[in-house]
Amino acid sequence: METEVYNIFKILSAHPLWSIQVSIIMLISNLISIGIGRYAIKVRSFGPSIPILGAEGFGLPELLATTSLGHIIGAGTILGLKSIEIIS
């Protein structure tokens, strides 16, 4: 049993799923989604704004919605680029 677990960890560490390219693509996708969502969301929440972004009325629900969209766009971009072997 112990050797099976060790072999699984050995395989996982030999083939990393994330690279710098993947993280940069995901970061850019999320930043683009936040930028679009900041101006595209018309009905905003009444809660407090996130002070870091400096946008009035852009709170936690808007941030979660835009980063969810960013992750969907980023995952699609990463899968597409991996399928045509542009990124490894």
PDB file of N, CA and C in Angstrom:
ATOM      1  N   MET A   1       0.827  -1.198   0.000  1.00  0.00           N
ATOM      2  CA  MET A   1       0.000   0.000   0.000  1.00  0.00           C
ATOM      3  C   MET A   1       0.870   1.261   0.000  1.00  0.00           C
ATOM      4  N   GLU A   2       1.912   1.238   0.808  1.00  0.00           N
ATOM      5  CA  GLU A   2       2.766   2.413   0.919  1.00  0.00           C
ATOM      6  C   GLU A   2       3.522   2.676  -0.380  1.00  0.00           C
ATOM      7  N   THR A   3       3.926   1.627  -1.066  1.00  0.00           N
ATOM      8  CA  THR A   3       4.641   1.825  -2.332  1.00  0.00           C
ATOM      9  C   THR A   3       3.718   2.339  -3.420  1.00  0.00           C
ATOM     10  N   GLU A   4       2.427   1.971  -3.375  1.00  0.00           N
ATOM     11  CA  GLU A   4       1.474   2.478  -4.363  1.00  0.00           C
ATOM     12  C   GLU A   4       1.292   3.987  -4.214  1.00  0.00           C
ATOM     13  N   VAL A   5       1.176   4.451  -2.988  1.00  0.00           N
ATOM     14  CA  VAL A   5       1.035   5.883  -2.743  1.00  0.00           C
ATOM     15  C   VAL A   5       2.297   6.610  -3.166  1.00  0.00           C
ATOM     16  N   TYR A   6       3.446   6.021  -2.880  1.00  0.00           N
ATOM     17  CA  TYR A   6       4.713   6.634  -3.279  1.00  0.00           C
ATOM     18  C   TYR A   6       4.812   6.728  -4.799  1.00  0.00           C
ATOM     19  N   ASN A   7       4.376   5.696  -5.505  1.00  0.00           N
ATOM     20  CA  ASN A   7       4.418   5.714  -6.968  1.00  0.00           C
ATOM     21  C   ASN A   7       3.495   6.779  -7.547  1.00  0.00           C
ATOM     22  N   ILE A   8       2.342   6.982  -6.940  1.00  0.00           N
ATOM     23  CA  ILE A   8       1.415   8.024  -7.403  1.00  0.00           C
ATOM     24  C   ILE A   8       2.054   9.395  -7.240  1.00  0.00           C
ATOM     25  N   PHE A   9       2.673   9.650  -6.082  1.00  0.00           N
ATOM     26  CA  PHE A   9       3.333  10.942  -5.870  1.00  0.00           C
ATOM     27  C   PHE A   9       4.513  11.124  -6.814  1.00  0.00           C
ATOM     28  N   LYS A  10       5.206  10.043  -7.115  1.00  0.00           N
ATOM     29  CA  LYS A  10       6.336  10.103  -8.033  1.00  0.00           C
ATOM     30  C   LYS A  10       5.863  10.473  -9.440  1.00  0.00           C
ATOM     31  N   ILE A  11       4.756   9.907  -9.871  1.00  0.00           N
ATOM     32  CA  ILE A  11       4.202  10.218 -11.195  1.00  0.00           C
ATOM     33  C   ILE A  11       3.707  11.659 -11.240  1.00  0.00           C
ATOM     34  N   LEU A  12       3.009  12.092 -10.195  1.00  0.00           N
ATOM     35  CA  LEU A  12       2.472  13.453 -10.177  1.00  0.00           C
ATOM     36  C   LEU A  12       3.570  14.501 -10.151  1.00  0.00           C
ATOM     37  N   SER A  13       4.649  14.228  -9.455  1.00  0.00           N
ATOM     38  CA  SER A  13       5.721  15.215  -9.393  1.00  0.00           C
ATOM     39  C   SER A  13       6.554  15.236 -10.668  1.00  0.00           C
ATOM     40  N   ALA A  14       6.548  14.155 -11.421  1.00  0.00           N
ATOM     41  CA  ALA A  14       7.324  14.104 -12.661  1.00  0.00           C
ATOM     42  C   ALA A  14       6.636  14.856 -13.797  1.00  0.00           C
ATOM     43  N   HIS A  15       5.319  14.972 -13.737  1.00  0.00           N
ATOM     44  CA  HIS A  15       4.554  15.640 -14.790  1.00  0.00           C
ATOM     45  C   HIS A  15       3.715  16.762 -14.180  1.00  0.00           C
ATOM     46  N   PRO A  16       4.298  17.921 -13.984  1.00  0.00           N
ATOM     47  CA  PRO A  16       3.527  19.014 -13.367  1.00  0.00           C
ATOM     48  C   PRO A  16       2.401  19.485 -14.283  1.00  0.00           C
ATOM     49  N   LEU A  17       1.258  19.781 -13.683  1.00  0.00           N
ATOM     50  CA  LEU A  17       0.103  20.232 -14.451  1.00  0.00           C
ATOM     51  C   LEU A  17       0.120  21.737 -14.665  1.00  0.00           C
ATOM     52  N   TRP A  18       0.814  22.449 -13.791  1.00  0.00           N
ATOM     53  CA  TRP A  18       0.869  23.902 -13.884  1.00  0.00           C
ATOM     54  C   TRP A  18       2.275  24.335 -14.252  1.00  0.00           C
ATOM     55  N   SER A  19       2.346  25.357 -15.059  1.00  0.00           N
ATOM     56  CA  SER A  19       3.628  25.959 -15.395  1.00  0.00           C
ATOM     57  C   SER A  19       3.469  27.474 -15.299  1.00  0.00           C
ATOM     58  N   ILE A  20       4.528  28.184 -15.531  1.00  0.00           N
ATOM     59  CA  ILE A  20       4.461  29.647 -15.524  1.00  0.00           C
ATOM     60  C   ILE A  20       3.538  30.130 -16.641  1.00  0.00           C
ATOM     61  N   GLN A  21       3.579  29.469 -17.793  1.00  0.00           N
ATOM     62  CA  GLN A  21       2.718  29.854 -18.916  1.00  0.00           C
ATOM     63  C   GLN A  21       1.248  29.730 -18.542  1.00  0.00           C
ATOM     64  N   VAL A  22       0.895  28.622 -17.890  1.00  0.00           N
ATOM     65  CA  VAL A  22      -0.496  28.387 -17.499  1.00  0.00           C
ATOM     66  C   VAL A  22      -0.946  29.433 -16.487  1.00  0.00           C
ATOM     67  N   SER A  23      -0.107  29.741 -15.520  1.00  0.00           N
ATOM     68  CA  SER A  23      -0.504  30.719 -14.501  1.00  0.00           C
ATOM     69  C   SER A  23      -0.622  32.126 -15.083  1.00  0.00           C
ATOM     70  N   ILE A  24       0.238  32.477 -16.030  1.00  0.00           N
ATOM     71  CA  ILE A  24       0.143  33.798 -16.666  1.00  0.00           C
ATOM     72  C   ILE A  24      -1.132  33.906 -17.489  1.00  0.00           C
ATOM     73  N   ILE A  25      -1.490  32.842 -18.205  1.00  0.00           N
ATOM     74  CA  ILE A  25      -2.728  32.844 -18.992  1.00  0.00           C
ATOM     75  C   ILE A  25      -3.934  33.003 -18.075  1.00  0.00           C
ATOM     76  N   MET A  26      -3.945  32.286 -16.942  1.00  0.00           N
ATOM     77  CA  MET A  26      -5.069  32.384 -16.008  1.00  0.00           C
ATOM     78  C   MET A  26      -5.134  33.775 -15.381  1.00  0.00           C
ATOM     79  N   LEU A  27      -4.002  34.348 -15.046  1.00  0.00           N
ATOM     80  CA  LEU A  27      -3.962  35.691 -14.471  1.00  0.00           C
ATOM     81  C   LEU A  27      -4.489  36.726 -15.456  1.00  0.00           C
ATOM     82  N   ILE A  28      -4.045  36.657 -16.692  1.00  0.00           N
ATOM     83  CA  ILE A  28      -4.494  37.615 -17.710  1.00  0.00           C
ATOM     84  C   ILE A  28      -5.986  37.452 -17.978  1.00  0.00           C
ATOM     85  N   SER A  29      -6.473  36.217 -18.023  1.00  0.00           N
ATOM     86  CA  SER A  29      -7.901  35.977 -18.245  1.00  0.00           C
ATOM     87  C   SER A  29      -8.740  36.584 -17.127  1.00  0.00           C
ATOM     88  N   ASN A  30      -8.287  36.437 -15.887  1.00  0.00           N
ATOM     89  CA  ASN A  30      -9.030  37.003 -14.762  1.00  0.00           C
ATOM     90  C   ASN A  30      -8.984  38.523 -14.758  1.00  0.00           C
ATOM     91  N   LEU A  31      -7.835  39.104 -15.068  1.00  0.00           N
ATOM     92  CA  LEU A  31      -7.747  40.569 -15.104  1.00  0.00           C
ATOM     93  C   LEU A  31      -8.622  41.158 -16.210  1.00  0.00           C
ATOM     94  N   ILE A  32      -8.656  40.506 -17.365  1.00  0.00           N
ATOM     95  CA  ILE A  32      -9.524  40.972 -18.452  1.00  0.00           C
ATOM     96  C   ILE A  32     -10.986  40.869 -18.039  1.00  0.00           C
ATOM     97  N   SER A  33     -11.369  39.766 -17.392  1.00  0.00           N
ATOM     98  CA  SER A  33     -12.755  39.599 -16.954  1.00  0.00           C
ATOM     99  C   SER A  33     -13.149  40.624 -15.895  1.00  0.00           C
ATOM    100  N   ILE A  34     -12.245  40.921 -14.973  1.00  0.00           N
ATOM    101  CA  ILE A  34     -12.536  41.942 -13.961  1.00  0.00           C
ATOM    102  C   ILE A  34     -12.688  43.303 -14.627  1.00  0.00           C
ATOM    103  N   GLY A  35     -11.819  43.615 -15.579  1.00  0.00           N
ATOM    104  CA  GLY A  35     -11.916  44.894 -16.294  1.00  0.00           C
ATOM    105  C   GLY A  35     -13.210  45.029 -17.071  1.00  0.00           C
ATOM    106  N   ILE A  36     -13.616  43.972 -17.745  1.00  0.00           N
ATOM    107  CA  ILE A  36     -14.873  44.007 -18.497  1.00  0.00           C
ATOM    108  C   ILE A  36     -16.057  44.086 -17.538  1.00  0.00           C
ATOM    109  N   GLY A  37     -16.017  43.278 -16.475  1.00  0.00           N
ATOM    110  CA  GLY A  37     -17.126  43.251 -15.528  1.00  0.00           C
ATOM    111  C   GLY A  37     -17.313  44.551 -14.777  1.00  0.00           C
ATOM    112  N   ARG A  38     -16.239  45.263 -14.564  1.00  0.00           N
ATOM    113  CA  ARG A  38     -16.318  46.542 -13.844  1.00  0.00           C
ATOM    114  C   ARG A  38     -17.205  47.538 -14.584  1.00  0.00           C
ATOM    115  N   TYR A  39     -17.150  47.496 -15.902  1.00  0.00           N
ATOM    116  CA  TYR A  39     -17.948  48.431 -16.698  1.00  0.00           C
ATOM    117  C   TYR A  39     -19.231  47.808 -17.238  1.00  0.00           C
ATOM    118  N   ALA A  40     -19.302  46.483 -17.331  1.00  0.00           N
ATOM    119  CA  ALA A  40     -20.462  45.837 -17.945  1.00  0.00           C
ATOM    120  C   ALA A  40     -21.584  45.539 -16.957  1.00  0.00           C
ATOM    121  N   ILE A  41     -21.266  45.353 -15.683  1.00  0.00           N
ATOM    122  CA  ILE A  41     -22.299  45.024 -14.699  1.00  0.00           C
ATOM    123  C   ILE A  41     -23.081  46.287 -14.380  1.00  0.00           C
ATOM    124  N   LYS A  42     -24.372  46.262 -14.718  1.00  0.00           N
ATOM    125  CA  LYS A  42     -25.219  47.445 -14.512  1.00  0.00           C
ATOM    126  C   LYS A  42     -25.877  47.445 -13.132  1.00  0.00           C
ATOM    127  N   VAL A  43     -26.366  46.283 -12.682  1.00  0.00           N
ATOM    128  CA  VAL A  43     -27.030  46.193 -11.386  1.00  0.00           C
ATOM    129  C   VAL A  43     -26.002  45.683 -10.383  1.00  0.00           C
ATOM    130  N   ARG A  44     -25.531  46.579  -9.543  1.00  0.00           N
ATOM    131  CA  ARG A  44     -24.487  46.235  -8.580  1.00  0.00           C
ATOM    132  C   ARG A  44     -25.094  45.989  -7.207  1.00  0.00           C
ATOM    133  N   SER A  45     -24.338  45.307  -6.368  1.00  0.00           N
ATOM    134  CA  SER A  45     -24.814  45.005  -5.023  1.00  0.00           C
ATOM    135  C   SER A  45     -24.767  46.258  -4.153  1.00  0.00           C
ATOM    136  N   PHE A  46     -25.502  46.198  -3.048  1.00  0.00           N
ATOM    137  CA  PHE A  46     -25.558  47.338  -2.138  1.00  0.00           C
ATOM    138  C   PHE A  46     -24.545  47.225  -1.010  1.00  0.00           C
ATOM    139  N   GLY A  47     -23.752  46.172  -1.015  1.00  0.00           N
ATOM    140  CA  GLY A  47     -22.759  45.964   0.033  1.00  0.00           C
ATOM    141  C   GLY A  47     -21.570  46.891  -0.126  1.00  0.00           C
ATOM    142  N   PRO A  48     -20.619  46.755   0.781  1.00  0.00           N
ATOM    143  CA  PRO A  48     -19.427  47.611   0.704  1.00  0.00           C
ATOM    144  C   PRO A  48     -18.562  47.267  -0.505  1.00  0.00           C
ATOM    145  N   SER A  49     -17.882  48.273  -1.010  1.00  0.00           N
ATOM    146  CA  SER A  49     -16.986  48.084  -2.147  1.00  0.00           C
ATOM    147  C   SER A  49     -15.660  47.506  -1.679  1.00  0.00           C
ATOM    148  N   ILE A  50     -14.939  46.909  -2.604  1.00  0.00           N
ATOM    149  CA  ILE A  50     -13.609  46.397  -2.302  1.00  0.00           C
ATOM    150  C   ILE A  50     -12.646  47.573  -2.402  1.00  0.00           C
ATOM    151  N   PRO A  51     -11.976  47.937  -1.312  1.00  0.00           N
ATOM    152  CA  PRO A  51     -11.153  49.150  -1.332  1.00  0.00           C
ATOM    153  C   PRO A  51      -9.900  49.048  -2.206  1.00  0.00           C
ATOM    154  N   ILE A  52      -9.423  47.849  -2.454  1.00  0.00           N
ATOM    155  CA  ILE A  52      -8.185  47.693  -3.225  1.00  0.00           C
ATOM    156  C   ILE A  52      -8.392  48.098  -4.679  1.00  0.00           C
ATOM    157  N   LEU A  53      -9.540  47.754  -5.232  1.00  0.00           N
ATOM    158  CA  LEU A  53      -9.785  48.029  -6.645  1.00  0.00           C
ATOM    159  C   LEU A  53     -10.089  49.498  -6.913  1.00  0.00           C
ATOM    160  N   GLY A  54     -10.555  50.211  -5.920  1.00  0.00           N
ATOM    161  CA  GLY A  54     -10.851  51.625  -6.103  1.00  0.00           C
ATOM    162  C   GLY A  54     -12.084  51.885  -6.943  1.00  0.00           C
ATOM    163  N   ALA A  55     -12.925  50.894  -7.110  1.00  0.00           N
ATOM    164  CA  ALA A  55     -14.141  51.051  -7.909  1.00  0.00           C
ATOM    165  C   ALA A  55     -15.341  51.118  -6.973  1.00  0.00           C
ATOM    166  N   GLU A  56     -16.090  52.163  -7.049  1.00  0.00           N
ATOM    167  CA  GLU A  56     -17.271  52.333  -6.209  1.00  0.00           C
ATOM    168  C   GLU A  56     -18.356  51.366  -6.670  1.00  0.00           C
ATOM    169  N   GLY A  57     -18.899  50.590  -5.734  1.00  0.00           N
ATOM    170  CA  GLY A  57     -19.971  49.664  -6.049  1.00  0.00           C
ATOM    171  C   GLY A  57     -19.507  48.318  -6.579  1.00  0.00           C
ATOM    172  N   PHE A  58     -18.220  48.083  -6.641  1.00  0.00           N
ATOM    173  CA  PHE A  58     -17.692  46.797  -7.109  1.00  0.00           C
ATOM    174  C   PHE A  58     -17.315  45.986  -5.882  1.00  0.00           C
ATOM    175  N   GLY A  59     -18.255  45.154  -5.420  1.00  0.00           N
ATOM    176  CA  GLY A  59     -18.062  44.414  -4.185  1.00  0.00           C
ATOM    177  C   GLY A  59     -17.700  42.960  -4.407  1.00  0.00           C
ATOM    178  N   LEU A  60     -17.862  42.182  -3.354  1.00  0.00           N
ATOM    179  CA  LEU A  60     -17.501  40.771  -3.394  1.00  0.00           C
ATOM    180  C   LEU A  60     -18.330  39.970  -4.403  1.00  0.00           C
ATOM    181  N   PRO A  61     -19.656  40.161  -4.499  1.00  0.00           N
ATOM    182  CA  PRO A  61     -20.408  39.396  -5.505  1.00  0.00           C
ATOM    183  C   PRO A  61     -19.929  39.655  -6.935  1.00  0.00           C
ATOM    184  N   GLU A  62     -19.617  40.893  -7.237  1.00  0.00           N
ATOM    185  CA  GLU A  62     -19.124  41.222  -8.580  1.00  0.00           C
ATOM    186  C   GLU A  62     -17.740  40.622  -8.825  1.00  0.00           C
ATOM    187  N   LEU A  63     -16.897  40.654  -7.792  1.00  0.00           N
ATOM    188  CA  LEU A  63     -15.563  40.077  -7.918  1.00  0.00           C
ATOM    189  C   LEU A  63     -15.637  38.569  -8.137  1.00  0.00           C
ATOM    190  N   LEU A  64     -16.498  37.890  -7.385  1.00  0.00           N
ATOM    191  CA  LEU A  64     -16.656  36.447  -7.556  1.00  0.00           C
ATOM    192  C   LEU A  64     -17.215  36.103  -8.931  1.00  0.00           C
ATOM    193  N   ALA A  65     -18.166  36.894  -9.402  1.00  0.00           N
ATOM    194  CA  ALA A  65     -18.744  36.636 -10.727  1.00  0.00           C
ATOM    195  C   ALA A  65     -17.713  36.825 -11.832  1.00  0.00           C
ATOM    196  N   THR A  66     -16.946  37.899 -11.758  1.00  0.00           N
ATOM    197  CA  THR A  66     -15.978  38.162 -12.825  1.00  0.00           C
ATOM    198  C   THR A  66     -14.806  37.179 -12.796  1.00  0.00           C
ATOM    199  N   THR A  67     -14.362  36.788 -11.603  1.00  0.00           N
ATOM    200  CA  THR A  67     -13.267  35.816 -11.563  1.00  0.00           C
ATOM    201  C   THR A  67     -13.747  34.414 -11.938  1.00  0.00           C
ATOM    202  N   SER A  68     -15.018  34.111 -11.701  1.00  0.00           N
ATOM    203  CA  SER A  68     -15.563  32.836 -12.182  1.00  0.00           C
ATOM    204  C   SER A  68     -15.540  32.796 -13.698  1.00  0.00           C
ATOM    205  N   LEU A  69     -15.975  33.883 -14.320  1.00  0.00           N
ATOM    206  CA  LEU A  69     -15.913  33.968 -15.774  1.00  0.00           C
ATOM    207  C   LEU A  69     -14.464  33.913 -16.253  1.00  0.00           C
ATOM    208  N   GLY A  70     -13.564  34.569 -15.541  1.00  0.00           N
ATOM    209  CA  GLY A  70     -12.152  34.548 -15.903  1.00  0.00           C
ATOM    210  C   GLY A  70     -11.554  33.152 -15.848  1.00  0.00           C
ATOM    211  N   HIS A  71     -11.972  32.359 -14.864  1.00  0.00           N
ATOM    212  CA  HIS A  71     -11.476  30.988 -14.779  1.00  0.00           C
ATOM    213  C   HIS A  71     -12.021  30.129 -15.918  1.00  0.00           C
ATOM    214  N   ILE A  72     -13.263  30.345 -16.300  1.00  0.00           N
ATOM    215  CA  ILE A  72     -13.830  29.602 -17.431  1.00  0.00           C
ATOM    216  C   ILE A  72     -13.097  29.959 -18.718  1.00  0.00           C
ATOM    217  N   ILE A  73     -12.886  31.240 -18.946  1.00  0.00           N
ATOM    218  CA  ILE A  73     -12.156  31.680 -20.144  1.00  0.00           C
ATOM    219  C   ILE A  73     -10.716  31.167 -20.108  1.00  0.00           C
ATOM    220  N   GLY A  74     -10.067  31.259 -18.949  1.00  0.00           N
ATOM    221  CA  GLY A  74      -8.690  30.797 -18.819  1.00  0.00           C
ATOM    222  C   GLY A  74      -8.553  29.299 -19.036  1.00  0.00           C
ATOM    223  N   ALA A  75      -9.477  28.517 -18.475  1.00  0.00           N
ATOM    224  CA  ALA A  75      -9.416  27.063 -18.655  1.00  0.00           C
ATOM    225  C   ALA A  75      -9.606  26.692 -20.122  1.00  0.00           C
ATOM    226  N   GLY A  76     -10.536  27.352 -20.788  1.00  0.00           N
ATOM    227  CA  GLY A  76     -10.733  27.091 -22.214  1.00  0.00           C
ATOM    228  C   GLY A  76      -9.522  27.470 -23.041  1.00  0.00           C
ATOM    229  N   THR A  77      -8.918  28.591 -22.708  1.00  0.00           N
ATOM    230  CA  THR A  77      -7.719  29.030 -23.424  1.00  0.00           C
ATOM    231  C   THR A  77      -6.566  28.060 -23.215  1.00  0.00           C
ATOM    232  N   ILE A  78      -6.376  27.626 -21.983  1.00  0.00           N
ATOM    233  CA  ILE A  78      -5.290  26.695 -21.675  1.00  0.00           C
ATOM    234  C   ILE A  78      -5.505  25.358 -22.374  1.00  0.00           C
ATOM    235  N   LEU A  79      -6.732  24.838 -22.313  1.00  0.00           N
ATOM    236  CA  LEU A  79      -7.004  23.567 -22.985  1.00  0.00           C
ATOM    237  C   LEU A  79      -6.823  23.682 -24.493  1.00  0.00           C
ATOM    238  N   GLY A  80      -7.266  24.790 -25.062  1.00  0.00           N
ATOM    239  CA  GLY A  80      -7.103  24.985 -26.499  1.00  0.00           C
ATOM    240  C   GLY A  80      -5.652  25.095 -26.910  1.00  0.00           C
ATOM    241  N   LEU A  81      -4.877  25.864 -26.160  1.00  0.00           N
ATOM    242  CA  LEU A  81      -3.459  26.022 -26.491  1.00  0.00           C
ATOM    243  C   LEU A  81      -2.667  24.735 -26.266  1.00  0.00           C
ATOM    244  N   LYS A  82      -3.084  23.941 -25.262  1.00  0.00           N
ATOM    245  CA  LYS A  82      -2.412  22.657 -25.058  1.00  0.00           C
ATOM    246  C   LYS A  82      -2.766  21.668 -26.156  1.00  0.00           C
ATOM    247  N   SER A  83      -3.996  21.728 -26.657  1.00  0.00           N
ATOM    248  CA  SER A  83      -4.393  20.773 -27.693  1.00  0.00           C
ATOM    249  C   SER A  83      -3.690  21.037 -29.019  1.00  0.00           C
ATOM    250  N   ILE A  84      -3.339  22.290 -29.294  1.00  0.00           N
ATOM    251  CA  ILE A  84      -2.586  22.579 -30.520  1.00  0.00           C
ATOM    252  C   ILE A  84      -1.091  22.712 -30.234  1.00  0.00           C
ATOM    253  N   GLU A  85      -0.714  22.318 -29.010  1.00  0.00           N
ATOM    254  CA  GLU A  85       0.682  22.202 -28.571  1.00  0.00           C
ATOM    255  C   GLU A  85       1.478  23.501 -28.660  1.00  0.00           C
ATOM    256  N   ILE A  86       0.825  24.618 -28.356  1.00  0.00           N
ATOM    257  CA  ILE A  86       1.544  25.890 -28.255  1.00  0.00           C
ATOM    258  C   ILE A  86       2.198  26.010 -26.881  1.00  0.00           C
ATOM    259  N   ILE A  87       1.492  25.542 -25.843  1.00  0.00           N
ATOM    260  CA  ILE A  87       2.086  25.505 -24.505  1.00  0.00           C
ATOM    261  C   ILE A  87       2.250  24.049 -24.097  1.00  0.00           C
ATOM    262  N   SER A  88       3.176  23.813 -23.198  1.00  0.00           N
ATOM    263  CA  SER A  88       3.417  22.428 -22.770  1.00  0.00           C
ATOM    264  C   SER A  88       2.794  22.160 -21.423  1.00  0.00           C
TER     265      SER A  88
END
